[in-house]
Amino acid sequence: MYLSLLSEGRLLFVCIINAFVNILSITTGAARISGVETKRVAVSLTLYNLFAVIYRLANLFYVPVMGSIVDKAALTGNLPLLEMKMRLIIAAATVGSLIGALFLPTFIQIYIKGINGMEKRGSMVRVIFAVLNPANYGKVFATLRKPSLLGVENLKLGGVPRNFLMFNVFGIAIWTVGVLAATYASAMAPNYARTAVLLSGIINGIGTIFLFVVVDPTAALIVDQTVAGLRPPKDVKIMVLYLTLGTILGTILGQFIFSPSALFIYKVTVWLGHLKF
């Protein structure tokens, strides 16, 4: 039943875009490792921002098409079918995260090449044009690496904090379902659809706290300590491997928190709709 739904062009498009976005999101780990290996953390993060811009642009196409799917479901009132579609979109996020994890060694090489290109050419624009030059396609394909654990044999956390890894899982789960839960809630309460959609910030706000207040600062500190020689480089690789695994687990967890999140947004939407002021 789920696979047959993918014959719908709009849903398939949204799933592909969502998978693509999650593939690119994995590159944040590659940025951290390449920054440590080249001692060019700032440049590596600049390159990551390029990937971030790409998947944010992808969202410009993803969100409106997803909105049209929800609008159609709201007109027909077929909420069970809409929920199935939403869960397929979440599953696409898991698939994208898995693909991103498999290509993590390749992303690391791409970042290292990009950092070297920035130092050689002094401009991101020149690096992009160099990549698009057919004469350099061979160098691009030379960055391909087989999936691996990045040469780490012992995956014990050692000095890597455990708590922030758990916050990463929950943060990813919330980010995965935030917009989806809000748009689904808008179909549950069509009279207050705009209110429901705008309430996605409630769910995403919690994810933001987890990811950008707890996870990212801790990860940045570990990277800086490694560059300063206060930690072994293995710590960064272990951290990235666990954060990547956490991303995959977070998207899976999203399946379990989707319905509660949508119900919560629905109840808040109805409550706001009945306020007298």
Protein backbone atom coordinates (compact mmCIF):
# COMPACT_ATOMS: atom_id res chain seq x y z
CA MET A 1 0.00 0.00 0.00
CA TYR A 2 2.74 2.45 0.97
CA LEU A 3 4.79 1.75 -2.17
CA SER A 4 1.75 2.17 -4.39
CA LEU A 5 1.33 5.69 -3.04
CA LEU A 6 4.68 6.64 -4.58
CA SER A 7 3.05 6.43 -7.99
CA GLU A 8 1.62 9.84 -7.13
CA GLY A 9 4.06 12.27 -8.71
CA ARG A 10 3.82 15.00 -6.08
CA LEU A 11 4.39 12.62 -3.19
CA LEU A 12 7.34 10.99 -4.92
CA PHE A 13 8.83 14.43 -5.57
CA VAL A 14 8.49 15.42 -1.90
CA CYS A 15 10.03 12.12 -0.76
CA ILE A 16 13.01 12.54 -3.10
CA ILE A 17 13.61 16.13 -2.01
CA ASN A 18 13.32 15.19 1.66
CA ALA A 19 15.81 12.34 1.18
CA PHE A 20 18.16 14.72 -0.66
CA VAL A 21 17.94 17.28 2.15
CA ASN A 22 18.84 14.63 4.72
CA ILE A 23 21.77 13.40 2.62
CA LEU A 24 23.20 16.91 2.60
CA SER A 25 22.55 17.40 6.31
CA ILE A 26 24.94 14.51 7.03
CA THR A 27 27.76 16.58 5.55
CA THR A 28 28.03 18.61 8.75
CA GLY A 29 29.98 15.67 10.18
CA ALA A 30 32.25 15.61 7.15
CA ALA A 31 32.90 19.33 7.67
CA ARG A 32 34.03 18.71 11.24
CA ILE A 33 36.39 15.86 10.34
CA SER A 34 37.87 17.63 7.31
CA GLY A 35 38.35 20.77 9.40
CA VAL A 36 40.36 18.79 11.94
CA GLU A 37 42.42 16.97 9.31
CA THR A 38 43.31 20.17 7.44
CA LYS A 39 43.35 22.47 10.48
CA ARG A 40 40.99 24.73 8.53
CA VAL A 41 37.83 24.55 10.62
CA ALA A 42 36.45 27.94 9.54
CA VAL A 43 36.90 27.15 5.83
CA SER A 44 35.29 23.72 6.25
CA LEU A 45 32.26 25.30 7.92
CA THR A 46 32.04 27.80 5.08
CA LEU A 47 31.88 24.90 2.64
CA TYR A 48 29.17 23.31 4.78
CA ASN A 49 27.18 26.54 4.51
CA LEU A 50 27.23 26.02 0.73
CA PHE A 51 25.57 22.63 1.18
CA ALA A 52 23.16 24.19 3.67
CA VAL A 53 22.14 26.80 1.11
CA ILE A 54 21.49 24.04 -1.43
CA TYR A 55 19.15 22.07 0.81
CA ARG A 56 17.40 25.22 2.00
CA LEU A 57 16.72 26.08 -1.63
CA ALA A 58 15.43 22.53 -2.07
CA ASN A 59 12.97 23.23 0.75
CA LEU A 60 11.54 26.10 -1.30
CA PHE A 61 10.20 23.46 -3.71
CA TYR A 62 9.51 20.80 -1.10
CA VAL A 63 7.24 22.74 1.26
CA PRO A 64 4.76 24.17 -1.32
CA VAL A 65 4.31 20.79 -3.02
CA MET A 66 3.77 19.14 0.35
CA GLY A 67 1.24 21.86 1.12
CA SER A 68 -0.68 20.99 -2.04
CA ILE A 69 -0.82 17.34 -0.92
CA VAL A 70 -2.29 18.42 2.42
CA ASP A 71 -4.79 20.79 0.77
CA LYS A 72 -6.05 17.98 -1.43
CA ALA A 73 -6.45 15.67 1.56
CA ALA A 74 -8.26 18.38 3.52
CA LEU A 75 -10.78 18.75 0.68
CA THR A 76 -11.46 15.02 0.54
CA GLY A 77 -11.31 14.50 4.30
CA ASN A 78 -9.21 11.35 3.86
CA LEU A 79 -6.93 11.86 6.87
CA PRO A 80 -5.80 8.19 7.19
CA LEU A 81 -4.44 8.35 3.64
CA LEU A 82 -2.74 11.66 4.41
CA GLU A 83 -1.10 10.15 7.48
CA MET A 84 0.28 7.32 5.36
CA LYS A 85 1.75 9.87 2.97
CA MET A 86 3.31 11.80 5.84
CA ARG A 87 4.90 8.65 7.19
CA LEU A 88 6.34 7.92 3.75
CA ILE A 89 7.90 11.38 3.75
CA ILE A 90 9.43 10.66 7.17
CA ALA A 91 10.67 7.30 5.86
CA ALA A 92 12.32 9.17 2.98
CA ALA A 93 14.24 11.19 5.58
CA THR A 94 15.52 7.93 7.06
CA VAL A 95 16.56 6.64 3.64
CA GLY A 96 18.36 9.91 2.93
CA SER A 97 20.18 9.74 6.26
CA LEU A 98 21.28 6.17 5.52
CA ILE A 99 22.59 7.16 2.09
CA GLY A 100 24.36 10.15 3.60
CA ALA A 101 25.99 7.87 6.20
CA LEU A 102 27.24 5.53 3.47
CA PHE A 103 28.75 8.47 1.57
CA LEU A 104 30.28 10.08 4.66
CA PRO A 105 33.88 9.07 3.68
CA THR A 106 33.25 10.54 0.23
CA PHE A 107 31.90 13.78 1.70
CA ILE A 108 35.03 14.08 3.82
CA GLN A 109 37.20 13.87 0.70
CA ILE A 110 34.99 16.41 -1.07
CA TYR A 111 35.45 18.83 1.82
CA ILE A 112 39.21 18.32 1.88
CA LYS A 113 39.39 18.95 -1.87
CA GLY A 114 37.17 21.99 -1.45
CA ILE A 115 39.34 23.39 1.35
CA ASN A 116 42.47 22.92 -0.76
CA GLY A 117 40.67 24.52 -3.70
CA MET A 118 39.71 27.53 -1.58
CA GLU A 119 43.32 28.03 -0.52
CA LYS A 120 44.51 27.68 -4.11
CA ARG A 121 41.88 29.85 -5.81
CA GLY A 122 40.89 32.13 -2.94
CA SER A 123 37.22 32.18 -3.84
CA MET A 124 34.24 29.88 -3.41
CA VAL A 125 32.89 30.98 -6.78
CA ARG A 126 36.12 29.94 -8.52
CA VAL A 127 36.02 26.57 -6.78
CA ILE A 128 32.43 25.99 -7.96
CA PHE A 129 33.34 26.88 -11.55
CA ALA A 130 36.34 24.56 -11.34
CA VAL A 131 34.08 21.71 -10.21
CA LEU A 132 31.68 22.40 -13.09
CA ASN A 133 34.53 22.31 -15.60
CA PRO A 134 34.32 18.98 -17.49
CA ALA A 135 38.12 18.77 -17.42
CA ASN A 136 37.93 18.31 -13.64
CA TYR A 137 35.23 15.64 -13.56
CA GLY A 138 37.89 12.97 -13.08
CA LYS A 139 39.09 14.70 -9.91
CA VAL A 140 35.52 14.87 -8.65
CA PHE A 141 34.98 11.12 -9.16
CA ALA A 142 38.34 10.48 -7.51
CA THR A 143 36.82 11.62 -4.22
CA LEU A 144 34.53 8.56 -4.13
CA ARG A 145 35.24 6.28 -1.20
CA LYS A 146 33.60 3.07 -0.07
CA PRO A 147 31.48 3.18 3.12
CA SER A 148 33.53 2.74 6.26
CA LEU A 149 33.87 3.54 9.94
CA LEU A 150 36.51 6.12 9.02
CA GLY A 151 39.32 3.88 10.23
CA VAL A 152 37.98 3.76 13.78
CA GLU A 153 38.27 0.26 15.23
CA ASN A 154 37.16 0.92 18.80
CA LEU A 155 33.86 2.78 18.94
CA LYS A 156 33.95 3.35 22.69
CA LEU A 157 32.98 6.94 23.44
CA GLY A 158 35.89 7.53 25.78
CA GLY A 159 36.04 11.26 26.40
CA VAL A 160 33.07 12.09 24.16
CA PRO A 161 30.07 13.21 26.29
CA ARG A 162 27.10 10.85 26.07
CA ASN A 163 24.24 13.17 26.98
CA PHE A 164 24.53 15.46 23.98
CA LEU A 165 24.37 12.43 21.66
CA MET A 166 20.95 11.60 23.10
CA PHE A 167 19.84 15.20 22.67
CA ASN A 168 20.88 14.89 19.03
CA VAL A 169 18.53 11.93 18.50
CA PHE A 170 15.57 13.75 20.04
CA GLY A 171 16.41 17.00 18.26
CA ILE A 172 16.55 15.30 14.86
CA ALA A 173 13.27 13.49 15.55
CA ILE A 174 11.53 16.77 16.37
CA TRP A 175 12.99 18.57 13.37
CA THR A 176 11.95 15.70 11.11
CA VAL A 177 8.27 15.87 12.05
CA GLY A 178 7.82 19.55 12.99
CA VAL A 179 6.49 20.90 9.69
CA LEU A 180 4.83 17.60 8.76
CA ALA A 181 2.91 17.44 12.05
CA ALA A 182 1.78 21.05 11.68
CA THR A 183 0.58 20.59 8.12
CA TYR A 184 -1.23 17.39 9.09
CA ALA A 185 -2.86 19.24 11.99
CA SER A 186 -4.00 21.89 9.51
CA ALA A 187 -5.94 19.18 7.67
CA MET A 188 -7.44 18.04 11.00
CA ALA A 189 -8.62 21.60 11.66
CA PRO A 190 -9.25 23.09 8.18
CA ASN A 191 -11.04 26.14 9.62
CA TYR A 192 -7.84 27.11 11.41
CA ALA A 193 -5.34 25.77 8.86
CA ARG A 194 -3.08 28.83 8.88
CA THR A 195 -2.88 28.79 12.67
CA ALA A 196 -1.89 25.12 12.65
CA VAL A 197 0.84 25.59 10.05
CA LEU A 198 2.33 28.56 11.88
CA LEU A 199 2.40 26.52 15.09
CA SER A 200 5.11 24.32 13.62
CA GLY A 201 7.46 26.71 15.41
CA ILE A 202 6.36 25.22 18.74
CA ILE A 203 7.63 21.78 17.79
CA ASN A 204 10.67 23.01 15.86
CA GLY A 205 11.56 25.36 18.70
CA ILE A 206 12.14 22.41 21.00
CA GLY A 207 14.28 20.76 18.34
CA THR A 208 16.21 24.00 17.91
CA ILE A 209 17.05 24.07 21.61
CA PHE A 210 18.31 20.49 21.50
CA LEU A 211 20.36 20.89 18.31
CA PHE A 212 21.67 24.45 18.43
CA VAL A 213 21.93 25.03 22.17
CA VAL A 214 23.12 21.60 23.32
CA VAL A 215 24.45 19.52 20.41
CA ASP A 216 26.24 21.98 18.10
CA PRO A 217 28.16 23.90 20.80
CA THR A 218 29.41 20.65 22.36
CA ALA A 219 30.45 19.30 18.96
CA ALA A 220 32.22 22.57 18.15
CA LEU A 221 34.07 22.45 21.47
CA ILE A 222 35.29 18.90 20.78
CA VAL A 223 36.49 19.95 17.32
CA ASP A 224 38.33 23.01 18.69
CA GLN A 225 39.94 20.96 21.45
CA THR A 226 41.13 18.44 18.89
CA VAL A 227 42.62 21.11 16.64
CA ALA A 228 44.36 22.56 19.70
CA GLY A 229 45.87 19.17 20.45
CA LEU A 230 43.87 18.64 23.65
CA ARG A 231 42.06 15.61 22.23
CA PRO A 232 43.03 12.81 19.84
CA PRO A 233 41.56 13.11 16.29
CA LYS A 234 39.78 9.83 16.89
CA ASP A 235 37.39 11.60 19.26
CA VAL A 236 36.01 13.73 16.43
CA LYS A 237 35.54 10.70 14.18
CA ILE A 238 33.77 8.77 16.94
CA MET A 239 31.59 11.79 17.68
CA VAL A 240 30.65 12.18 14.01
CA LEU A 241 29.87 8.47 13.66
CA TYR A 242 27.55 8.58 16.66
CA LEU A 243 25.94 11.84 15.55
CA THR A 244 25.34 10.29 12.13
CA LEU A 245 23.83 7.20 13.73
CA GLY A 246 21.76 9.53 15.90
CA THR A 247 20.44 11.26 12.79
CA ILE A 248 19.25 7.94 11.40
CA LEU A 249 17.69 6.93 14.72
CA GLY A 250 16.13 10.37 15.06
CA THR A 251 14.28 10.06 11.75
CA ILE A 252 13.04 6.63 12.81
CA LEU A 253 11.91 8.03 16.15
CA GLY A 254 10.04 10.65 14.15
CA GLN A 255 7.59 7.94 13.11
CA PHE A 256 6.63 7.45 16.76
CA ILE A 257 6.28 11.10 17.74
CA PHE A 258 4.50 12.22 14.56
CA SER A 259 0.96 11.48 15.75
CA PRO A 260 1.42 12.92 19.27
CA SER A 261 3.01 16.04 17.78
CA ALA A 262 0.18 16.51 15.27
CA LEU A 263 -2.43 15.97 18.00
CA PHE A 264 -0.70 18.49 20.26
CA ILE A 265 -0.63 21.12 17.51
CA TYR A 266 -4.27 20.37 16.68
CA LYS A 267 -5.38 20.88 20.28
CA VAL A 268 -3.42 24.13 20.59
CA THR A 269 -4.89 25.28 17.27
CA VAL A 270 -8.45 24.61 18.38
CA TRP A 271 -7.81 26.29 21.73
CA LEU A 272 -6.44 29.40 20.02
CA GLY A 273 -9.35 29.36 17.62
CA HIS A 274 -11.84 29.53 20.47
CA LEU A 275 -10.18 32.33 22.40
CA LYS A 276 -12.49 35.29 22.87
CA PHE A 277 -9.96 38.09 22.43
